[in-house]
Amino acid sequence: MTSQSQGIQQLLQAEKRAKDKLEEAKKRKGKRLKQAKEEATAEIDHYRLQREKEFRNKETNVMGSQGNLSAKIEEQTTEAIRNLTSSYHRSMENMMKKLLSTICDISPEIHPNFRPAV
């Protein structure tokens, strides 16, 4: 009976060791998964930063910087206003003379359809 009980004890101990090994293997697997996930996240972040940098470079090359665009638009607007103002000042005096001459120089004439009363 003692040999049977020793055999049972050995089986229980072997079962306990196997259970411990399984738990340890599960812990290692969990650690490896966590480490792999962290490495993948770091790699994804690195790749994302690299692609964003490339995109910004291409965007700058194709479109130019936004500062240059706004400065160029501002310069074009100022030039257009300057041209319109100078054109206005050049043409204003001639237009005023034409307008005043049309209004003030009246030459009375009889309308061609007028029939004197007979």
PDB file of N, CA and C in Angstrom:
ATOM      1  N   MET A   1       0.807  -1.175   0.000  1.00  0.00           N
ATOM      2  CA  MET A   1       0.000   0.000   0.000  1.00  0.00           C
ATOM      3  C   MET A   1       0.862   1.256   0.000  1.00  0.00           C
ATOM      4  N   THR A   2       1.958   1.153   0.712  1.00  0.00           N
ATOM      5  CA  THR A   2       2.855   2.306   0.734  1.00  0.00           C
ATOM      6  C   THR A   2       3.451   2.546  -0.640  1.00  0.00           C
ATOM      7  N   SER A   3       3.687   1.474  -1.370  1.00  0.00           N
ATOM      8  CA  SER A   3       4.237   1.656  -2.706  1.00  0.00           C
ATOM      9  C   SER A   3       3.190   2.291  -3.617  1.00  0.00           C
ATOM     10  N   GLN A   4       1.930   1.930  -3.370  1.00  0.00           N
ATOM     11  CA  GLN A   4       0.857   2.512  -4.153  1.00  0.00           C
ATOM     12  C   GLN A   4       0.715   3.982  -3.818  1.00  0.00           C
ATOM     13  N   SER A   5       0.833   4.294  -2.563  1.00  0.00           N
ATOM     14  CA  SER A   5       0.702   5.677  -2.135  1.00  0.00           C
ATOM     15  C   SER A   5       1.908   6.484  -2.589  1.00  0.00           C
ATOM     16  N   GLN A   6       3.081   5.838  -2.627  1.00  0.00           N
ATOM     17  CA  GLN A   6       4.254   6.532  -3.170  1.00  0.00           C
ATOM     18  C   GLN A   6       4.067   6.788  -4.658  1.00  0.00           C
ATOM     19  N   GLY A   7       3.523   5.836  -5.350  1.00  0.00           N
ATOM     20  CA  GLY A   7       3.261   5.995  -6.785  1.00  0.00           C
ATOM     21  C   GLY A   7       2.272   7.135  -7.040  1.00  0.00           C
ATOM     22  N   ILE A   8       1.241   7.203  -6.191  1.00  0.00           N
ATOM     23  CA  ILE A   8       0.249   8.281  -6.326  1.00  0.00           C
ATOM     24  C   ILE A   8       0.908   9.625  -6.045  1.00  0.00           C
ATOM     25  N   GLN A   9       1.758   9.644  -5.007  1.00  0.00           N
ATOM     26  CA  GLN A   9       2.473  10.877  -4.666  1.00  0.00           C
ATOM     27  C   GLN A   9       3.354  11.320  -5.838  1.00  0.00           C
ATOM     28  N   GLN A  10       4.039  10.379  -6.444  1.00  0.00           N
ATOM     29  CA  GLN A  10       4.907  10.700  -7.583  1.00  0.00           C
ATOM     30  C   GLN A  10       4.079  11.224  -8.756  1.00  0.00           C
ATOM     31  N   LEU A  11       2.941  10.587  -8.974  1.00  0.00           N
ATOM     32  CA  LEU A  11       2.058  11.070 -10.050  1.00  0.00           C
ATOM     33  C   LEU A  11       1.559  12.487  -9.768  1.00  0.00           C
ATOM     34  N   LEU A  12       1.186  12.740  -8.538  1.00  0.00           N
ATOM     35  CA  LEU A  12       0.713  14.078  -8.152  1.00  0.00           C
ATOM     36  C   LEU A  12       1.825  15.106  -8.319  1.00  0.00           C
ATOM     37  N   GLN A  13       3.046  14.724  -7.898  1.00  0.00           N
ATOM     38  CA  GLN A  13       4.182  15.642  -8.044  1.00  0.00           C
ATOM     39  C   GLN A  13       4.482  15.894  -9.520  1.00  0.00           C
ATOM     40  N   ALA A  14       4.449  14.824 -10.318  1.00  0.00           N
ATOM     41  CA  ALA A  14       4.702  14.972 -11.754  1.00  0.00           C
ATOM     42  C   ALA A  14       3.632  15.844 -12.385  1.00  0.00           C
ATOM     43  N   GLU A  15       2.404  15.665 -11.962  1.00  0.00           N
ATOM     44  CA  GLU A  15       1.299  16.493 -12.476  1.00  0.00           C
ATOM     45  C   GLU A  15       1.499  17.949 -12.088  1.00  0.00           C
ATOM     46  N   LYS A  16       1.957  18.152 -10.835  1.00  0.00           N
ATOM     47  CA  LYS A  16       2.201  19.519 -10.370  1.00  0.00           C
ATOM     48  C   LYS A  16       3.323  20.162 -11.172  1.00  0.00           C
ATOM     49  N   ARG A  17       4.413  19.415 -11.429  1.00  0.00           N
ATOM     50  CA  ARG A  17       5.526  19.960 -12.214  1.00  0.00           C
ATOM     51  C   ARG A  17       5.073  20.287 -13.638  1.00  0.00           C
ATOM     52  N   ALA A  18       4.283  19.416 -14.223  1.00  0.00           N
ATOM     53  CA  ALA A  18       3.776  19.661 -15.577  1.00  0.00           C
ATOM     54  C   ALA A  18       2.894  20.907 -15.601  1.00  0.00           C
ATOM     55  N   LYS A  19       2.068  21.038 -14.572  1.00  0.00           N
ATOM     56  CA  LYS A  19       1.196  22.213 -14.467  1.00  0.00           C
ATOM     57  C   LYS A  19       2.029  23.483 -14.340  1.00  0.00           C
ATOM     58  N   ASP A  20       3.091  23.428 -13.502  1.00  0.00           N
ATOM     59  CA  ASP A  20       3.978  24.587 -13.330  1.00  0.00           C
ATOM     60  C   ASP A  20       4.666  24.941 -14.647  1.00  0.00           C
ATOM     61  N   LYS A  21       5.124  23.890 -15.375  1.00  0.00           N
ATOM     62  CA  LYS A  21       5.775  24.130 -16.663  1.00  0.00           C
ATOM     63  C   LYS A  21       4.801  24.762 -17.653  1.00  0.00           C
ATOM     64  N   LEU A  22       3.567  24.301 -17.649  1.00  0.00           N
ATOM     65  CA  LEU A  22       2.558  24.880 -18.537  1.00  0.00           C
ATOM     66  C   LEU A  22       2.311  26.357 -18.210  1.00  0.00           C
ATOM     67  N   GLU A  23       2.188  26.658 -16.914  1.00  0.00           N
ATOM     68  CA  GLU A  23       1.977  28.048 -16.495  1.00  0.00           C
ATOM     69  C   GLU A  23       3.160  28.920 -16.885  1.00  0.00           C
ATOM     70  N   GLU A  24       4.359  28.370 -16.675  1.00  0.00           N
ATOM     71  CA  GLU A  24       5.565  29.111 -17.045  1.00  0.00           C
ATOM     72  C   GLU A  24       5.613  29.342 -18.558  1.00  0.00           C
ATOM     73  N   ALA A  25       5.245  28.316 -19.334  1.00  0.00           N
ATOM     74  CA  ALA A  25       5.229  28.458 -20.793  1.00  0.00           C
ATOM     75  C   ALA A  25       4.187  29.508 -21.210  1.00  0.00           C
ATOM     76  N   LYS A  26       3.030  29.509 -20.551  1.00  0.00           N
ATOM     77  CA  LYS A  26       2.001  30.510 -20.858  1.00  0.00           C
ATOM     78  C   LYS A  26       2.500  31.917 -20.547  1.00  0.00           C
ATOM     79  N   LYS A  27       3.211  32.053 -19.429  1.00  0.00           N
ATOM     80  CA  LYS A  27       3.757  33.366 -19.061  1.00  0.00           C
ATOM     81  C   LYS A  27       4.783  33.826 -20.097  1.00  0.00           C
ATOM     82  N   ARG A  28       5.669  32.924 -20.530  1.00  0.00           N
ATOM     83  CA  ARG A  28       6.669  33.277 -21.545  1.00  0.00           C
ATOM     84  C   ARG A  28       5.993  33.658 -22.862  1.00  0.00           C
ATOM     85  N   LYS A  29       4.961  32.900 -23.218  1.00  0.00           N
ATOM     86  CA  LYS A  29       4.230  33.198 -24.448  1.00  0.00           C
ATOM     87  C   LYS A  29       3.585  34.585 -24.356  1.00  0.00           C
ATOM     88  N   GLY A  30       2.983  34.880 -23.216  1.00  0.00           N
ATOM     89  CA  GLY A  30       2.384  36.201 -22.999  1.00  0.00           C
ATOM     90  C   GLY A  30       3.424  37.312 -23.090  1.00  0.00           C
ATOM     91  N   LYS A  31       4.591  37.067 -22.479  1.00  0.00           N
ATOM     92  CA  LYS A  31       5.683  38.038 -22.545  1.00  0.00           C
ATOM     93  C   LYS A  31       6.129  38.273 -23.984  1.00  0.00           C
ATOM     94  N   ARG A  32       6.304  37.147 -24.718  1.00  0.00           N
ATOM     95  CA  ARG A  32       6.736  37.267 -26.110  1.00  0.00           C
ATOM     96  C   ARG A  32       5.709  38.015 -26.946  1.00  0.00           C
ATOM     97  N   LEU A  33       4.426  37.729 -26.726  1.00  0.00           N
ATOM     98  CA  LEU A  33       3.377  38.431 -27.466  1.00  0.00           C
ATOM     99  C   LEU A  33       3.393  39.930 -27.153  1.00  0.00           C
ATOM    100  N   LYS A  34       3.547  40.238 -25.872  1.00  0.00           N
ATOM    101  CA  LYS A  34       3.584  41.645 -25.464  1.00  0.00           C
ATOM    102  C   LYS A  34       4.793  42.350 -26.081  1.00  0.00           C
ATOM    103  N   GLN A  35       5.936  41.688 -26.055  1.00  0.00           N
ATOM    104  CA  GLN A  35       7.155  42.253 -26.632  1.00  0.00           C
ATOM    105  C   GLN A  35       7.000  42.433 -28.144  1.00  0.00           C
ATOM    106  N   ALA A  36       6.424  41.436 -28.803  1.00  0.00           N
ATOM    107  CA  ALA A  36       6.218  41.530 -30.254  1.00  0.00           C
ATOM    108  C   ALA A  36       5.266  42.680 -30.582  1.00  0.00           C
ATOM    109  N   LYS A  37       4.237  42.839 -29.775  1.00  0.00           N
ATOM    110  CA  LYS A  37       3.278  43.931 -29.992  1.00  0.00           C
ATOM    111  C   LYS A  37       3.966  45.285 -29.827  1.00  0.00           C
ATOM    112  N   GLU A  38       4.787  45.425 -28.796  1.00  0.00           N
ATOM    113  CA  GLU A  38       5.518  46.674 -28.574  1.00  0.00           C
ATOM    114  C   GLU A  38       6.472  46.962 -29.734  1.00  0.00           C
ATOM    115  N   GLU A  39       7.170  45.936 -30.196  1.00  0.00           N
ATOM    116  CA  GLU A  39       8.090  46.115 -31.324  1.00  0.00           C
ATOM    117  C   GLU A  39       7.330  46.510 -32.587  1.00  0.00           C
ATOM    118  N   ALA A  40       6.192  45.860 -32.804  1.00  0.00           N
ATOM    119  CA  ALA A  40       5.380  46.190 -33.980  1.00  0.00           C
ATOM    120  C   ALA A  40       4.866  47.629 -33.893  1.00  0.00           C
ATOM    121  N   THR A  41       4.430  48.039 -32.723  1.00  0.00           N
ATOM    122  CA  THR A  41       3.944  49.407 -32.539  1.00  0.00           C
ATOM    123  C   THR A  41       5.061  50.403 -32.802  1.00  0.00           C
ATOM    124  N   ALA A  42       6.260  50.118 -32.274  1.00  0.00           N
ATOM    125  CA  ALA A  42       7.399  51.009 -32.494  1.00  0.00           C
ATOM    126  C   ALA A  42       7.745  51.081 -33.981  1.00  0.00           C
ATOM    127  N   GLU A  43       7.712  49.937 -34.648  1.00  0.00           N
ATOM    128  CA  GLU A  43       8.017  49.897 -36.083  1.00  0.00           C
ATOM    129  C   GLU A  43       6.968  50.663 -36.884  1.00  0.00           C
ATOM    130  N   ILE A  44       5.706  50.507 -36.521  1.00  0.00           N
ATOM    131  CA  ILE A  44       4.623  51.236 -37.202  1.00  0.00           C
ATOM    132  C   ILE A  44       4.787  52.737 -37.011  1.00  0.00           C
ATOM    133  N   ASP A  45       5.088  53.156 -35.780  1.00  0.00           N
ATOM    134  CA  ASP A  45       5.287  54.587 -35.512  1.00  0.00           C
ATOM    135  C   ASP A  45       6.454  55.138 -36.331  1.00  0.00           C
ATOM    136  N   HIS A  46       7.535  54.391 -36.373  1.00  0.00           N
ATOM    137  CA  HIS A  46       8.713  54.819 -37.138  1.00  0.00           C
ATOM    138  C   HIS A  46       8.356  54.950 -38.621  1.00  0.00           C
ATOM    139  N   TYR A  47       7.652  53.953 -39.158  1.00  0.00           N
ATOM    140  CA  TYR A  47       7.246  53.975 -40.569  1.00  0.00           C
ATOM    141  C   TYR A  47       6.304  55.148 -40.844  1.00  0.00           C
ATOM    142  N   ARG A  48       5.350  55.380 -39.940  1.00  0.00           N
ATOM    143  CA  ARG A  48       4.402  56.481 -40.108  1.00  0.00           C
ATOM    144  C   ARG A  48       5.137  57.833 -40.135  1.00  0.00           C
ATOM    145  N   LEU A  49       6.072  58.028 -39.221  1.00  0.00           N
ATOM    146  CA  LEU A  49       6.835  59.275 -39.194  1.00  0.00           C
ATOM    147  C   LEU A  49       7.636  59.460 -40.480  1.00  0.00           C
ATOM    148  N   GLN A  50       8.231  58.388 -40.941  1.00  0.00           N
ATOM    149  CA  GLN A  50       9.019  58.442 -42.174  1.00  0.00           C
ATOM    150  C   GLN A  50       8.130  58.824 -43.356  1.00  0.00           C
ATOM    151  N   ARG A  51       6.964  58.205 -43.472  1.00  0.00           N
ATOM    152  CA  ARG A  51       6.053  58.496 -44.587  1.00  0.00           C
ATOM    153  C   ARG A  51       5.504  59.923 -44.499  1.00  0.00           C
ATOM    154  N   GLU A  52       5.206  60.398 -43.293  1.00  0.00           N
ATOM    155  CA  GLU A  52       4.725  61.770 -43.126  1.00  0.00           C
ATOM    156  C   GLU A  52       5.794  62.767 -43.550  1.00  0.00           C
ATOM    157  N   LYS A  53       7.042  62.467 -43.205  1.00  0.00           N
ATOM    158  CA  LYS A  53       8.147  63.339 -43.587  1.00  0.00           C
ATOM    159  C   LYS A  53       8.278  63.386 -45.108  1.00  0.00           C
ATOM    160  N   GLU A  54       8.214  62.217 -45.754  1.00  0.00           N
ATOM    161  CA  GLU A  54       8.278  62.169 -47.217  1.00  0.00           C
ATOM    162  C   GLU A  54       7.115  62.935 -47.842  1.00  0.00           C
ATOM    163  N   PHE A  55       5.917  62.779 -47.267  1.00  0.00           N
ATOM    164  CA  PHE A  55       4.739  63.485 -47.787  1.00  0.00           C
ATOM    165  C   PHE A  55       4.927  64.992 -47.685  1.00  0.00           C
ATOM    166  N   ARG A  56       5.409  65.463 -46.544  1.00  0.00           N
ATOM    167  CA  ARG A  56       5.626  66.913 -46.374  1.00  0.00           C
ATOM    168  C   ARG A  56       6.652  67.434 -47.375  1.00  0.00           C
ATOM    169  N   ASN A  57       7.718  66.658 -47.605  1.00  0.00           N
ATOM    170  CA  ASN A  57       8.727  67.073 -48.585  1.00  0.00           C
ATOM    171  C   ASN A  57       8.122  67.171 -49.976  1.00  0.00           C
ATOM    172  N   LYS A  58       7.345  66.166 -50.368  1.00  0.00           N
ATOM    173  CA  LYS A  58       6.713  66.193 -51.690  1.00  0.00           C
ATOM    174  C   LYS A  58       5.713  67.338 -51.791  1.00  0.00           C
ATOM    175  N   GLU A  59       4.960  67.546 -50.734  1.00  0.00           N
ATOM    176  CA  GLU A  59       3.975  68.634 -50.724  1.00  0.00           C
ATOM    177  C   GLU A  59       4.667  69.980 -50.880  1.00  0.00           C
ATOM    178  N   THR A  60       5.772  70.166 -50.185  1.00  0.00           N
ATOM    179  CA  THR A  60       6.516  71.414 -50.280  1.00  0.00           C
ATOM    180  C   THR A  60       7.086  71.594 -51.684  1.00  0.00           C
ATOM    181  N   ASN A  61       7.597  70.519 -52.274  1.00  0.00           N
ATOM    182  CA  ASN A  61       8.154  70.609 -53.623  1.00  0.00           C
ATOM    183  C   ASN A  61       7.088  70.929 -54.656  1.00  0.00           C
ATOM    184  N   VAL A  62       5.926  70.318 -54.537  1.00  0.00           N
ATOM    185  CA  VAL A  62       4.872  70.508 -55.531  1.00  0.00           C
ATOM    186  C   VAL A  62       4.164  71.838 -55.352  1.00  0.00           C
ATOM    187  N   MET A  63       3.766  72.139 -54.147  1.00  0.00           N
ATOM    188  CA  MET A  63       2.942  73.324 -53.907  1.00  0.00           C
ATOM    189  C   MET A  63       3.733  74.535 -53.436  1.00  0.00           C
ATOM    190  N   GLY A  64       4.910  74.347 -52.947  1.00  0.00           N
ATOM    191  CA  GLY A  64       5.636  75.452 -52.338  1.00  0.00           C
ATOM    192  C   GLY A  64       5.115  75.645 -50.930  1.00  0.00           C
ATOM    193  N   SER A  65       5.789  76.449 -50.203  1.00  0.00           N
ATOM    194  CA  SER A  65       5.337  76.648 -48.828  1.00  0.00           C
ATOM    195  C   SER A  65       4.161  77.616 -48.812  1.00  0.00           C
ATOM    196  N   GLN A  66       3.338  77.494 -47.810  1.00  0.00           N
ATOM    197  CA  GLN A  66       2.141  78.337 -47.707  1.00  0.00           C
ATOM    198  C   GLN A  66       2.515  79.806 -47.527  1.00  0.00           C
ATOM    199  N   GLY A  67       3.618  80.067 -46.868  1.00  0.00           N
ATOM    200  CA  GLY A  67       4.075  81.438 -46.680  1.00  0.00           C
ATOM    201  C   GLY A  67       4.368  82.101 -48.015  1.00  0.00           C
ATOM    202  N   ASN A  68       4.999  81.380 -48.937  1.00  0.00           N
ATOM    203  CA  ASN A  68       5.302  81.920 -50.251  1.00  0.00           C
ATOM    204  C   ASN A  68       4.029  82.214 -51.031  1.00  0.00           C
ATOM    205  N   LEU A  69       3.052  81.321 -50.943  1.00  0.00           N
ATOM    206  CA  LEU A  69       1.799  81.515 -51.664  1.00  0.00           C
ATOM    207  C   LEU A  69       1.061  82.747 -51.161  1.00  0.00           C
ATOM    208  N   SER A  70       0.959  82.902 -49.866  1.00  0.00           N
ATOM    209  CA  SER A  70       0.228  84.050 -49.328  1.00  0.00           C
ATOM    210  C   SER A  70       0.975  85.350 -49.623  1.00  0.00           C
ATOM    211  N   ALA A  71       2.300  85.322 -49.577  1.00  0.00           N
ATOM    212  CA  ALA A  71       3.070  86.525 -49.904  1.00  0.00           C
ATOM    213  C   ALA A  71       2.889  86.883 -51.374  1.00  0.00           C
ATOM    214  N   LYS A  72       2.887  85.882 -52.246  1.00  0.00           N
ATOM    215  CA  LYS A  72       2.717  86.115 -53.675  1.00  0.00           C
ATOM    216  C   LYS A  72       1.321  86.686 -53.964  1.00  0.00           C
ATOM    217  N   ILE A  73       0.302  86.140 -53.332  1.00  0.00           N
ATOM    218  CA  ILE A  73      -1.072  86.633 -53.525  1.00  0.00           C
ATOM    219  C   ILE A  73      -1.193  88.065 -53.022  1.00  0.00           C
ATOM    220  N   GLU A  74      -0.601  88.338 -51.887  1.00  0.00           N
ATOM    221  CA  GLU A  74      -0.638  89.701 -51.326  1.00  0.00           C
ATOM    222  C   GLU A  74       0.043  90.678 -52.279  1.00  0.00           C
ATOM    223  N   GLU A  75       1.168  90.287 -52.836  1.00  0.00           N
ATOM    224  CA  GLU A  75       1.901  91.145 -53.773  1.00  0.00           C
ATOM    225  C   GLU A  75       1.075  91.389 -55.038  1.00  0.00           C
ATOM    226  N   GLN A  76       0.434  90.350 -55.572  1.00  0.00           N
ATOM    227  CA  GLN A  76      -0.392  90.506 -56.765  1.00  0.00           C
ATOM    228  C   GLN A  76      -1.585  91.427 -56.491  1.00  0.00           C
ATOM    229  N   THR A  77      -2.184  91.283 -55.330  1.00  0.00           N
ATOM    230  CA  THR A  77      -3.321  92.136 -54.963  1.00  0.00           C
ATOM    231  C   THR A  77      -2.890  93.591 -54.855  1.00  0.00           C
ATOM    232  N   THR A  78      -1.771  93.836 -54.215  1.00  0.00           N
ATOM    233  CA  THR A  78      -1.266  95.202 -54.073  1.00  0.00           C
ATOM    234  C   THR A  78      -0.974  95.806 -55.441  1.00  0.00           C
ATOM    235  N   GLU A  79      -0.368  95.035 -56.325  1.00  0.00           N
ATOM    236  CA  GLU A  79      -0.052  95.514 -57.678  1.00  0.00           C
ATOM    237  C   GLU A  79      -1.334  95.844 -58.447  1.00  0.00           C
ATOM    238  N   ALA A  80      -2.358  94.994 -58.335  1.00  0.00           N
ATOM    239  CA  ALA A  80      -3.630  95.242 -59.029  1.00  0.00           C
ATOM    240  C   ALA A  80      -4.287  96.510 -58.504  1.00  0.00           C
ATOM    241  N   ILE A  81      -4.264  96.709 -57.205  1.00  0.00           N
ATOM    242  CA  ILE A  81      -4.844  97.936 -56.616  1.00  0.00           C
ATOM    243  C   ILE A  81      -4.081  99.156 -57.091  1.00  0.00           C
ATOM    244  N   ARG A  82      -2.767  99.073 -57.132  1.00  0.00           N
ATOM    245  CA  ARG A  82      -1.945 100.188 -57.589  1.00  0.00           C
ATOM    246  C   ARG A  82      -2.271 100.532 -59.055  1.00  0.00           C
ATOM    247  N   ASN A  83      -2.404  99.499 -59.915  1.00  0.00           N
ATOM    248  CA  ASN A  83      -2.736  99.726 -61.322  1.00  0.00           C
ATOM    249  C   ASN A  83      -4.111 100.363 -61.475  1.00  0.00           C
ATOM    250  N   LEU A  84      -5.090  99.875 -60.732  1.00  0.00           N
ATOM    251  CA  LEU A  84      -6.438 100.435 -60.811  1.00  0.00           C
ATOM    252  C   LEU A  84      -6.465 101.886 -60.337  1.00  0.00           C
ATOM    253  N   THR A  85      -5.751 102.195 -59.287  1.00  0.00           N
ATOM    254  CA  THR A  85      -5.714 103.558 -58.764  1.00  0.00           C
ATOM    255  C   THR A  85      -5.066 104.505 -59.762  1.00  0.00           C
ATOM    256  N   SER A  86      -3.957 104.087 -60.354  1.00  0.00           N
ATOM    257  CA  SER A  86      -3.294 104.975 -61.327  1.00  0.00           C
ATOM    258  C   SER A  86      -4.170 105.153 -62.568  1.00  0.00           C
ATOM    259  N   SER A  87      -4.851 104.107 -63.008  1.00  0.00           N
ATOM    260  CA  SER A  87      -5.754 104.209 -64.155  1.00  0.00           C
ATOM    261  C   SER A  87      -6.912 105.151 -63.838  1.00  0.00           C
ATOM    262  N   TYR A  88      -7.426 105.068 -62.654  1.00  0.00           N
ATOM    263  CA  TYR A  88      -8.515 105.960 -62.215  1.00  0.00           C
ATOM    264  C   TYR A  88      -8.064 107.415 -62.256  1.00  0.00           C
ATOM    265  N   HIS A  89      -6.898 107.692 -61.716  1.00  0.00           N
ATOM    266  CA  HIS A  89      -6.411 109.087 -61.681  1.00  0.00           C
ATOM    267  C   HIS A  89      -6.112 109.606 -63.087  1.00  0.00           C
ATOM    268  N   ARG A  90      -5.620 108.757 -63.985  1.00  0.00           N
ATOM    269  CA  ARG A  90      -5.358 109.191 -65.358  1.00  0.00           C
ATOM    270  C   ARG A  90      -6.653 109.500 -66.104  1.00  0.00           C
ATOM    271  N   SER A  91      -7.659 108.666 -65.908  1.00  0.00           N
ATOM    272  CA  SER A  91      -8.885 108.780 -66.693  1.00  0.00           C
ATOM    273  C   SER A  91      -9.911 109.723 -66.084  1.00  0.00           C
ATOM    274  N   MET A  92      -9.789 110.057 -64.834  1.00  0.00           N
ATOM    275  CA  MET A  92     -10.808 110.832 -64.139  1.00  0.00           C
ATOM    276  C   MET A  92     -11.013 112.206 -64.778  1.00  0.00           C
ATOM    277  N   GLU A  93      -9.955 112.925 -65.062  1.00  0.00           N
ATOM    278  CA  GLU A  93     -10.087 114.283 -65.585  1.00  0.00           C
ATOM    279  C   GLU A  93     -10.742 114.288 -66.971  1.00  0.00           C
ATOM    280  N   ASN A  94     -10.314 113.389 -67.865  1.00  0.00           N
ATOM    281  CA  ASN A  94     -10.926 113.306 -69.200  1.00  0.00           C
ATOM    282  C   ASN A  94     -12.408 112.953 -69.109  1.00  0.00           C
ATOM    283  N   MET A  95     -12.749 112.016 -68.258  1.00  0.00           N
ATOM    284  CA  MET A  95     -14.151 111.620 -68.120  1.00  0.00           C
ATOM    285  C   MET A  95     -14.994 112.758 -67.566  1.00  0.00           C
ATOM    286  N   MET A  96     -14.459 113.500 -66.630  1.00  0.00           N
ATOM    287  CA  MET A  96     -15.201 114.643 -66.069  1.00  0.00           C
ATOM    288  C   MET A  96     -15.437 115.699 -67.156  1.00  0.00           C
ATOM    289  N   LYS A  97     -14.429 115.964 -67.987  1.00  0.00           N
ATOM    290  CA  LYS A  97     -14.598 116.940 -69.077  1.00  0.00           C
ATOM    291  C   LYS A  97     -15.665 116.477 -70.059  1.00  0.00           C
ATOM    292  N   LYS A  98     -15.630 115.196 -70.446  1.00  0.00           N
ATOM    293  CA  LYS A  98     -16.622 114.660 -71.385  1.00  0.00           C
ATOM    294  C   LYS A  98     -18.018 114.731 -70.785  1.00  0.00           C
ATOM    295  N   LEU A  99     -18.141 114.370 -69.527  1.00  0.00           N
ATOM    296  CA  LEU A  99     -19.435 114.387 -68.864  1.00  0.00           C
ATOM    297  C   LEU A  99     -19.989 115.805 -68.770  1.00  0.00           C
ATOM    298  N   LEU A 100     -19.151 116.756 -68.351  1.00  0.00           N
ATOM    299  CA  LEU A 100     -19.596 118.152 -68.242  1.00  0.00           C
ATOM    300  C   LEU A 100     -19.926 118.740 -69.610  1.00  0.00           C
ATOM    301  N   SER A 101     -19.139 118.411 -70.631  1.00  0.00           N
ATOM    302  CA  SER A 101     -19.430 118.951 -71.957  1.00  0.00           C
ATOM    303  C   SER A 101     -20.743 118.386 -72.494  1.00  0.00           C
ATOM    304  N   THR A 102     -21.022 117.115 -72.225  1.00  0.00           N
ATOM    305  CA  THR A 102     -22.274 116.517 -72.677  1.00  0.00           C
ATOM    306  C   THR A 102     -23.460 117.154 -71.967  1.00  0.00           C
ATOM    307  N   ILE A 103     -23.315 117.449 -70.706  1.00  0.00           N
ATOM    308  CA  ILE A 103     -24.417 118.012 -69.936  1.00  0.00           C
ATOM    309  C   ILE A 103     -24.600 119.498 -70.216  1.00  0.00           C
ATOM    310  N   CYS A 104     -23.513 120.244 -70.283  1.00  0.00           N
ATOM    311  CA  CYS A 104     -23.599 121.708 -70.364  1.00  0.00           C
ATOM    312  C   CYS A 104     -23.702 122.248 -71.790  1.00  0.00           C
ATOM    313  N   ASP A 105     -23.110 121.606 -72.749  1.00  0.00           N
ATOM    314  CA  ASP A 105     -23.152 122.114 -74.129  1.00  0.00           C
ATOM    315  C   ASP A 105     -24.417 121.609 -74.808  1.00  0.00           C
ATOM    316  N   ILE A 106     -25.466 122.434 -74.730  1.00  0.00           N
ATOM    317  CA  ILE A 106     -26.745 122.060 -75.310  1.00  0.00           C
ATOM    318  C   ILE A 106     -26.937 122.870 -76.576  1.00  0.00           C
ATOM    319  N   SER A 107     -27.232 122.201 -77.658  1.00  0.00           N
ATOM    320  CA  SER A 107     -27.555 122.911 -78.898  1.00  0.00           C
ATOM    321  C   SER A 107     -29.008 122.573 -79.234  1.00  0.00           C
ATOM    322  N   PRO A 108     -29.895 123.568 -79.056  1.00  0.00           N
ATOM    323  CA  PRO A 108     -31.308 123.297 -79.302  1.00  0.00           C
ATOM    324  C   PRO A 108     -31.577 123.085 -80.794  1.00  0.00           C
ATOM    325  N   GLU A 109     -32.313 122.051 -81.085  1.00  0.00           N
ATOM    326  CA  GLU A 109     -32.693 121.736 -82.460  1.00  0.00           C
ATOM    327  C   GLU A 109     -34.149 121.298 -82.480  1.00  0.00           C
ATOM    328  N   ILE A 110     -34.745 121.474 -83.624  1.00  0.00           N
ATOM    329  CA  ILE A 110     -36.110 121.005 -83.780  1.00  0.00           C
ATOM    330  C   ILE A 110     -36.042 119.537 -84.154  1.00  0.00           C
ATOM    331  N   HIS A 111     -36.921 118.799 -83.558  1.00  0.00           N
ATOM    332  CA  HIS A 111     -36.959 117.364 -83.819  1.00  0.00           C
ATOM    333  C   HIS A 111     -37.419 117.136 -85.250  1.00  0.00           C
ATOM    334  N   PRO A 112     -36.787 116.155 -85.927  1.00  0.00           N
ATOM    335  CA  PRO A 112     -37.152 115.935 -87.343  1.00  0.00           C
ATOM    336  C   PRO A 112     -38.618 115.565 -87.565  1.00  0.00           C
ATOM    337  N   ASN A 113     -39.288 115.043 -86.609  1.00  0.00           N
ATOM    338  CA  ASN A 113     -40.675 114.645 -86.770  1.00  0.00           C
ATOM    339  C   ASN A 113     -41.676 115.774 -86.445  1.00  0.00           C
ATOM    340  N   PHE A 114     -41.144 116.896 -86.056  1.00  0.00           N
ATOM    341  CA  PHE A 114     -42.031 117.992 -85.667  1.00  0.00           C
ATOM    342  C   PHE A 114     -42.674 118.581 -86.929  1.00  0.00           C
ATOM    343  N   ARG A 115     -44.018 118.801 -86.868  1.00  0.00           N
ATOM    344  CA  ARG A 115     -44.755 119.413 -87.962  1.00  0.00           C
ATOM    345  C   ARG A 115     -45.403 120.686 -87.450  1.00  0.00           C
ATOM    346  N   PRO A 116     -45.025 121.752 -88.072  1.00  0.00           N
ATOM    347  CA  PRO A 116     -45.645 123.002 -87.596  1.00  0.00           C
ATOM    348  C   PRO A 116     -47.131 122.999 -87.898  1.00  0.00           C
ATOM    349  N   ALA A 117     -47.849 123.639 -87.047  1.00  0.00           N
ATOM    350  CA  ALA A 117     -49.284 123.699 -87.221  1.00  0.00           C
ATOM    351  C   ALA A 117     -49.612 124.618 -88.394  1.00  0.00           C
ATOM    352  N   VAL A 118     -50.385 124.216 -89.338  1.00  0.00           N
ATOM    353  CA  VAL A 118     -50.691 124.992 -90.541  1.00  0.00           C
ATOM    354  C   VAL A 118     -51.981 125.725 -90.398  1.00  0.00           C
TER     355      VAL A 118
END
